[in-house]
Amino acid sequence: MSDAMIEFREVTKRYAGLVANDRLSLTIRRGELMTLLGPSGCGKTTALRCLTGTIRPDAGRILLDGRDVTEVATHQRELGMVFQNFALFPHMTVRDNVGFPLMIRNLRKEARATRVQEALRLVRLEGYAEHYPRQLSGGQQQRVGLARALVYRPKVLLLDEPLSNLDAKLREEMRFEIKEVVTRLGITAMYVTHDQAEALALSDRVAIMNRGRLQQLGTPEEIYETPNSRFVAEFIGLSNFLEGRVASVRGATMTVTASGLSIHTPSLPEVAPGHKVLLFVRPNEIEILPAATPADTNVFPARVEKTTYLGDTMDYRLMLGEGVELRVQADARHRYGAGESVRLRWPRVRSWRANEE
């Protein structure tokens, strides 16, 4: 049996002059929760709609469990769908909403009741079968939608921005609910969102998209720790960037000059002195130290310009070098005030080869 449950093979979809999916090739493994992540208009929803069959790609093929479904009708693709706006029938009870997919498939009443009970138990709503949607909270309504999508045991679960209509606390709770249910069932799931925190919390792997193309594919850790481009680094978390030129390369380390700073970072392949590079460091990876800290490798004097209290974290804007502003997030238990002199230590600096002007 193939490990692939969903395969996009060179899928292209155009709307007038806009290319929404540009030769998209992507494989989602059996039992995997894959998130398509990207800004509005990046092509992630188009990919989802091509998979559901609500739109047809202009080129390429889509396979589901080894079967080419590119021309197959939506209702024959064995897909469960959780929508952004819940899409519950207001005049139906929770029991009837969840059982609706089974009713239209003509499943016998006794079997339908058993399946509905199992689905409600799965999302912890056993005592709400006779409630109407208006009597439920937003999180409960979304759990009803999840139960309805799973009740007929589809091969694949699709989730299209399912938490965007919930408040921040509910979104966080529902992330873990969805992850728990998908993991327990071992079902293959494709999740579409523009929310980076959701993608990191939920996914086995994340596919970053932009302008219809796949930018990077990897585990949440790989995407966050080793982004392959500035776009991915900026989209998946807070970032500081500095442009510089390579001053020297010695084995596994190169020295880069950027805005009056001499920065040491791991060497890049085929980079030599004089080459332009882009340096990247996360705000939470920079340490703020007292001004009296001795000079050392990647330790620089700086001045605090602005502070913002974020509860257990302080968000700082600091100036250093020749007018470089950096954002740093540090533990709020030890605070520095605006105007205070400090030193910054950069334990880890990443870089990419930049385009030469």
Protein backbone atom coordinates (compact mmCIF):
# COMPACT_ATOMS: atom_id res chain seq x y z
CA MET A 1 0.00 0.00 0.00
CA SER A 2 1.33 3.43 -0.94
CA ASP A 3 2.11 5.87 1.86
CA ALA A 4 0.47 8.68 -0.15
CA MET A 5 -3.19 9.50 0.55
CA ILE A 6 -3.42 12.81 -1.37
CA GLU A 7 -1.29 13.76 -4.35
CA PHE A 8 -1.28 17.03 -6.26
CA ARG A 9 0.65 16.47 -9.48
CA GLU A 10 1.63 19.66 -11.30
CA VAL A 11 -1.78 21.19 -10.57
CA THR A 12 -2.39 24.57 -12.22
CA LYS A 13 -5.47 26.75 -11.85
CA ARG A 14 -5.94 30.18 -13.42
CA TYR A 15 -8.60 32.85 -12.89
CA ALA A 16 -8.48 35.27 -15.82
CA GLY A 17 -4.89 36.58 -15.69
CA LEU A 18 -4.21 35.30 -12.17
CA VAL A 19 -2.43 31.98 -11.59
CA ALA A 20 -3.88 30.71 -8.30
CA ASN A 21 -2.02 27.37 -8.35
CA ASP A 22 1.18 27.21 -10.37
CA ARG A 23 2.22 23.59 -11.07
CA LEU A 24 1.56 22.61 -7.47
CA SER A 25 3.05 19.23 -6.56
CA LEU A 26 2.40 18.04 -3.03
CA THR A 27 1.96 14.67 -1.33
CA ILE A 28 0.06 14.21 1.94
CA ARG A 29 0.86 10.95 3.66
CA ARG A 30 -1.65 8.46 5.03
CA GLY A 31 -2.63 9.45 8.59
CA GLU A 32 -0.86 12.80 8.38
CA LEU A 33 -2.21 16.22 9.34
CA MET A 34 -0.83 18.61 6.74
CA THR A 35 -1.42 22.36 6.94
CA LEU A 36 -1.44 24.63 3.90
CA LEU A 37 -0.25 27.95 5.27
CA GLY A 38 0.10 31.29 3.54
CA PRO A 39 -1.27 34.81 3.15
CA SER A 40 -4.60 35.62 1.51
CA GLY A 41 -4.44 34.93 -2.22
CA CYS A 42 -1.53 32.48 -1.97
CA GLY A 43 -3.51 29.61 -3.53
CA LYS A 44 -4.18 27.41 -0.51
CA THR A 45 -7.99 27.60 -0.73
CA THR A 46 -7.84 27.02 -4.48
CA ALA A 47 -5.86 23.84 -3.82
CA LEU A 48 -8.50 22.75 -1.31
CA ARG A 49 -11.33 23.42 -3.76
CA CYS A 50 -9.52 21.50 -6.48
CA LEU A 51 -9.26 18.57 -4.08
CA THR A 52 -12.96 18.73 -3.19
CA GLY A 53 -13.93 18.94 -6.85
CA THR A 54 -15.83 22.22 -6.53
CA ILE A 55 -13.44 23.60 -9.17
CA ARG A 56 -11.47 21.77 -11.83
CA PRO A 57 -7.76 22.45 -12.37
CA ASP A 58 -6.68 23.69 -15.80
CA ALA A 59 -3.77 21.26 -15.81
CA GLY A 60 -2.35 18.50 -13.64
CA ARG A 61 -3.90 15.59 -11.76
CA ILE A 62 -5.19 14.95 -8.24
CA LEU A 63 -5.02 11.48 -6.72
CA LEU A 64 -6.87 10.28 -3.62
CA ASP A 65 -5.67 6.99 -2.13
CA GLY A 66 -4.06 6.14 -5.46
CA ARG A 67 -7.19 6.92 -7.49
CA ASP A 68 -7.25 9.77 -9.99
CA VAL A 69 -10.18 11.93 -8.88
CA THR A 70 -9.50 14.97 -11.07
CA GLU A 71 -12.75 14.43 -13.00
CA VAL A 72 -14.71 12.69 -10.23
CA ALA A 73 -17.78 14.38 -8.73
CA THR A 74 -17.43 15.88 -5.26
CA HIS A 75 -19.85 13.48 -3.55
CA GLN A 76 -17.86 10.49 -4.82
CA ARG A 77 -14.53 11.55 -3.31
CA GLU A 78 -15.13 10.37 0.30
CA LEU A 79 -14.12 13.66 1.90
CA GLY A 80 -15.26 15.16 5.20
CA MET A 81 -15.36 18.95 5.35
CA VAL A 82 -15.26 21.37 8.31
CA PHE A 83 -16.19 24.92 7.29
CA GLN A 84 -15.15 28.35 8.53
CA ASN A 85 -18.72 29.48 9.25
CA PHE A 86 -19.88 26.22 10.96
CA ALA A 87 -22.58 25.71 8.22
CA LEU A 88 -25.04 24.07 10.62
CA PHE A 89 -28.76 23.85 9.87
CA PRO A 90 -30.38 26.18 12.46
CA HIS A 91 -33.72 24.34 12.42
CA MET A 92 -32.13 20.95 13.15
CA THR A 93 -30.96 19.56 16.49
CA VAL A 94 -27.32 18.62 17.02
CA ARG A 95 -28.31 14.97 16.50
CA ASP A 96 -29.92 15.71 13.15
CA ASN A 97 -27.10 18.00 11.99
CA VAL A 98 -24.51 15.33 12.69
CA GLY A 99 -26.66 12.59 11.18
CA PHE A 100 -27.50 14.51 8.01
CA PRO A 101 -24.62 13.06 5.88
CA LEU A 102 -25.80 9.56 6.85
CA MET A 103 -29.44 10.33 6.06
CA ILE A 104 -28.68 11.50 2.52
CA ARG A 105 -26.63 8.29 2.08
CA ASN A 106 -29.73 6.30 3.09
CA LEU A 107 -28.11 4.63 6.10
CA ARG A 108 -30.64 2.78 8.23
CA LYS A 109 -32.02 4.67 11.23
CA GLU A 110 -30.54 2.31 13.84
CA ALA A 111 -27.08 2.39 12.31
CA ARG A 112 -27.38 6.15 11.92
CA ALA A 113 -28.17 6.62 15.60
CA THR A 114 -25.15 4.54 16.62
CA ARG A 115 -22.80 6.47 14.34
CA VAL A 116 -24.11 9.84 15.57
CA GLN A 117 -23.67 8.78 19.19
CA GLU A 118 -20.08 7.71 18.46
CA ALA A 119 -19.30 10.99 16.69
CA LEU A 120 -20.73 13.11 19.51
CA ARG A 121 -18.73 11.10 22.06
CA LEU A 122 -15.61 11.72 19.98
CA VAL A 123 -16.03 15.51 20.27
CA ARG A 124 -17.35 15.35 23.87
CA LEU A 125 -20.88 16.54 23.11
CA GLU A 126 -22.86 13.45 24.18
CA GLY A 127 -25.24 15.50 26.32
CA TYR A 128 -26.08 18.03 23.59
CA ALA A 129 -27.86 15.83 21.04
CA GLU A 130 -31.22 17.60 21.43
CA HIS A 131 -29.82 21.13 21.50
CA TYR A 132 -30.13 23.52 18.56
CA PRO A 133 -27.14 25.43 17.16
CA ARG A 134 -28.38 28.71 18.68
CA GLN A 135 -28.07 27.14 22.14
CA LEU A 136 -24.38 26.34 21.68
CA SER A 137 -21.20 28.37 22.02
CA GLY A 138 -18.99 28.96 18.99
CA GLY A 139 -16.59 26.24 20.08
CA GLN A 140 -19.43 23.76 20.57
CA GLN A 141 -20.86 24.59 17.14
CA GLN A 142 -17.48 23.94 15.56
CA ARG A 143 -17.26 20.61 17.37
CA VAL A 144 -20.67 19.71 15.91
CA GLY A 145 -19.26 20.55 12.48
CA LEU A 146 -16.28 18.30 13.18
CA ALA A 147 -18.55 15.44 14.28
CA ARG A 148 -20.68 15.84 11.14
CA ALA A 149 -17.57 15.71 8.93
CA LEU A 150 -16.36 12.50 10.61
CA VAL A 151 -19.64 10.65 11.10
CA TYR A 152 -19.60 8.83 7.76
CA ARG A 153 -15.93 7.86 8.16
CA PRO A 154 -14.38 9.65 5.20
CA LYS A 155 -10.91 8.84 3.89
CA VAL A 156 -9.79 12.44 4.32
CA LEU A 157 -10.81 15.30 6.61
CA LEU A 158 -10.56 18.82 5.16
CA LEU A 159 -10.62 21.91 7.38
CA ASP A 160 -10.94 25.34 5.76
CA GLU A 161 -10.00 28.13 8.22
CA PRO A 162 -12.22 26.37 10.81
CA LEU A 163 -11.25 28.53 13.79
CA SER A 164 -11.20 32.01 12.27
CA ASN A 165 -14.64 32.92 13.65
CA LEU A 166 -13.72 32.03 17.23
CA ASP A 167 -12.14 34.27 19.86
CA ALA A 168 -8.47 33.80 20.80
CA LYS A 169 -9.07 31.57 23.84
CA LEU A 170 -11.49 29.30 21.99
CA ARG A 171 -9.13 29.05 19.02
CA GLU A 172 -6.37 27.79 21.29
CA GLU A 173 -8.67 25.23 22.92
CA MET A 174 -10.02 23.99 19.58
CA ARG A 175 -6.53 23.53 18.11
CA PHE A 176 -5.84 20.84 20.66
CA GLU A 177 -9.32 19.33 20.31
CA ILE A 178 -8.87 18.94 16.55
CA LYS A 179 -5.35 17.55 16.92
CA GLU A 180 -6.50 15.05 19.54
CA VAL A 181 -9.43 13.81 17.43
CA VAL A 182 -7.39 13.49 14.23
CA THR A 183 -4.59 11.67 16.05
CA ARG A 184 -7.00 9.31 17.82
CA LEU A 185 -8.72 8.36 14.56
CA GLY A 186 -5.51 8.16 12.52
CA ILE A 187 -7.31 9.96 9.69
CA THR A 188 -5.55 11.94 6.96
CA ALA A 189 -6.30 15.65 7.28
CA MET A 190 -5.58 18.77 5.25
CA TYR A 191 -5.91 22.02 7.18
CA VAL A 192 -5.99 25.42 5.47
CA THR A 193 -5.13 28.57 7.43
CA HIS A 194 -3.20 31.85 7.42
CA ASP A 195 -2.59 31.59 11.19
CA GLN A 196 1.01 30.61 11.94
CA ALA A 197 0.29 29.57 15.54
CA GLU A 198 -2.39 27.13 14.37
CA ALA A 199 -0.05 25.62 11.81
CA LEU A 200 2.75 25.12 14.33
CA ALA A 201 0.45 23.70 17.01
CA LEU A 202 -1.52 21.29 14.83
CA SER A 203 0.59 20.00 12.00
CA ASP A 204 2.71 16.97 11.32
CA ARG A 205 4.04 18.94 8.36
CA VAL A 206 3.45 22.45 7.04
CA ALA A 207 3.34 23.52 3.38
CA ILE A 208 4.08 27.24 3.03
CA MET A 209 2.51 28.76 -0.10
CA ASN A 210 2.87 32.12 -1.82
CA ARG A 211 1.62 33.32 -5.21
CA GLY A 212 0.33 29.87 -6.08
CA ARG A 213 3.61 28.09 -5.46
CA LEU A 214 4.92 25.85 -2.73
CA GLN A 215 7.72 27.74 -0.92
CA GLN A 216 8.78 25.21 1.71
CA LEU A 217 7.55 21.89 3.09
CA GLY A 218 8.61 20.46 6.44
CA THR A 219 7.76 19.78 10.05
CA PRO A 220 6.80 22.78 12.20
CA GLU A 221 10.28 22.67 13.75
CA GLU A 222 12.01 22.61 10.36
CA ILE A 223 9.93 25.47 9.01
CA TYR A 224 10.49 27.63 12.09
CA GLU A 225 14.12 26.75 12.81
CA THR A 226 15.47 26.56 9.25
CA PRO A 227 13.32 28.67 6.90
CA ASN A 228 14.66 28.53 3.35
CA SER A 229 13.86 32.13 2.40
CA ARG A 230 13.08 35.56 3.79
CA PHE A 231 9.41 35.13 2.89
CA VAL A 232 9.11 31.94 4.97
CA ALA A 233 11.07 33.41 7.89
CA GLU A 234 8.87 36.52 7.97
CA PHE A 235 5.63 34.63 7.59
CA ILE A 236 6.21 31.94 10.20
CA GLY A 237 7.39 34.19 13.03
CA LEU A 238 8.90 37.48 14.17
CA SER A 239 12.23 38.17 12.51
CA ASN A 240 15.15 40.60 12.32
CA PHE A 241 17.06 40.96 9.05
CA LEU A 242 20.36 42.65 8.24
CA GLU A 243 22.04 42.94 4.85
CA GLY A 244 25.80 42.59 4.84
CA ARG A 245 28.86 41.42 2.93
CA VAL A 246 31.17 38.53 3.67
CA ALA A 247 34.47 39.79 5.08
CA SER A 248 36.14 36.40 5.50
CA VAL A 249 35.45 32.66 5.41
CA ARG A 250 37.35 30.30 7.70
CA GLY A 251 36.18 26.71 7.56
CA ALA A 252 32.65 26.39 8.91
CA THR A 253 32.44 30.05 9.98
CA MET A 254 32.20 33.26 7.99
CA THR A 255 32.46 36.84 9.21
CA VAL A 256 29.91 39.29 7.82
CA THR A 257 30.09 43.08 8.03
CA ALA A 258 26.67 44.70 8.36
CA SER A 259 25.98 48.32 9.42
CA GLY A 260 29.27 48.60 11.27
CA LEU A 261 28.88 45.25 13.04
CA SER A 262 31.19 42.27 12.57
CA ILE A 263 28.98 39.19 12.84
CA HIS A 264 30.06 35.55 12.90
CA THR A 265 27.72 32.97 11.38
CA PRO A 266 27.96 29.48 9.83
CA SER A 267 29.42 29.49 6.31
CA LEU A 268 27.21 29.14 3.26
CA PRO A 269 28.10 26.95 0.26
CA GLU A 270 29.88 28.77 -2.57
CA VAL A 271 30.13 32.05 -0.64
CA ALA A 272 33.36 34.03 -0.75
CA PRO A 273 34.58 37.38 0.62
CA GLY A 274 32.70 40.26 -0.97
CA HIS A 275 29.51 38.32 -1.55
CA LYS A 276 26.28 39.88 -0.32
CA VAL A 277 24.29 37.94 2.31
CA LEU A 278 21.10 38.41 4.29
CA LEU A 279 21.34 37.70 8.03
CA PHE A 280 18.38 36.53 10.07
CA VAL A 281 17.86 36.26 13.84
CA ARG A 282 14.66 35.68 15.81
CA PRO A 283 13.72 38.27 18.50
CA ASN A 284 13.48 35.57 21.18
CA GLU A 285 16.95 34.23 20.35
CA ILE A 286 18.77 37.45 21.27
CA GLU A 287 19.95 37.82 24.87
CA ILE A 288 19.94 41.21 26.61
CA LEU A 289 22.88 41.61 28.98
CA PRO A 290 24.10 44.38 31.31
CA ALA A 291 26.21 47.07 29.68
CA ALA A 292 29.26 45.94 31.70
CA THR A 293 29.29 42.52 30.02
CA PRO A 294 32.72 41.99 28.38
CA ALA A 295 32.96 42.14 24.60
CA ASP A 296 32.87 38.75 22.89
CA THR A 297 31.90 37.08 19.62
CA ASN A 298 28.48 38.32 18.50
CA VAL A 299 28.10 40.53 21.58
CA PHE A 300 27.29 44.15 20.69
CA PRO A 301 26.55 47.37 22.62
CA ALA A 302 23.01 48.68 22.16
CA ARG A 303 20.53 51.20 23.53
CA VAL A 304 16.94 50.51 24.52
CA GLU A 305 14.58 52.73 22.52
CA LYS A 306 11.16 51.38 23.43
CA THR A 307 9.65 48.77 25.72
CA THR A 308 6.29 47.00 25.63
CA TYR A 309 4.97 44.82 28.44
CA LEU A 310 3.44 41.53 27.21
CA GLY A 311 2.85 39.73 30.50
CA ASP A 312 5.62 37.17 30.95
CA THR A 313 7.60 38.77 28.10
CA MET A 314 8.98 42.22 27.37
CA ASP A 315 9.13 43.41 23.77
CA TYR A 316 12.09 45.74 23.18
CA ARG A 317 13.17 47.93 20.28
CA LEU A 318 16.92 48.57 20.45
CA MET A 319 19.42 50.56 18.39
CA LEU A 320 22.94 49.36 17.66
CA GLY A 321 25.67 49.65 15.08
CA GLU A 322 25.11 52.29 12.40
CA GLY A 323 21.41 52.90 12.97
CA VAL A 324 20.26 49.28 13.11
CA GLU A 325 16.94 48.73 14.93
CA LEU A 326 16.33 45.28 16.34
CA ARG A 327 13.31 43.75 17.97
CA VAL A 328 14.04 41.55 21.00
CA GLN A 329 11.66 39.58 23.21
CA ALA A 330 12.97 38.62 26.63
CA ASP A 331 11.82 37.39 30.04
CA ALA A 332 9.89 40.13 31.84
CA ARG A 333 11.33 39.23 35.25
CA HIS A 334 14.39 41.37 34.51
CA ARG A 335 13.54 44.59 32.72
CA TYR A 336 15.45 47.37 31.02
CA GLY A 337 14.11 50.89 30.55
CA ALA A 338 14.06 53.19 27.54
CA GLY A 339 17.39 54.97 27.12
CA GLU A 340 19.33 52.30 29.02
CA SER A 341 22.61 50.99 27.61
CA VAL A 342 22.90 47.21 27.30
CA ARG A 343 24.72 44.54 25.35
CA LEU A 344 23.13 42.02 23.02
CA ARG A 345 24.39 38.49 22.50
CA TRP A 346 23.37 36.65 19.33
CA PRO A 347 23.92 32.96 20.06
CA ARG A 348 22.55 31.95 16.67
CA VAL A 349 22.57 33.80 13.36
CA ARG A 350 21.29 32.31 10.11
CA SER A 351 21.99 33.63 6.63
CA TRP A 352 21.17 33.27 2.95
CA ARG A 353 23.06 34.32 -0.14
CA ALA A 354 21.49 37.59 -1.35
CA ASN A 355 20.99 38.78 -4.89
CA GLU A 356 23.81 41.07 -6.00
CA GLU A 357 22.74 44.51 -7.10
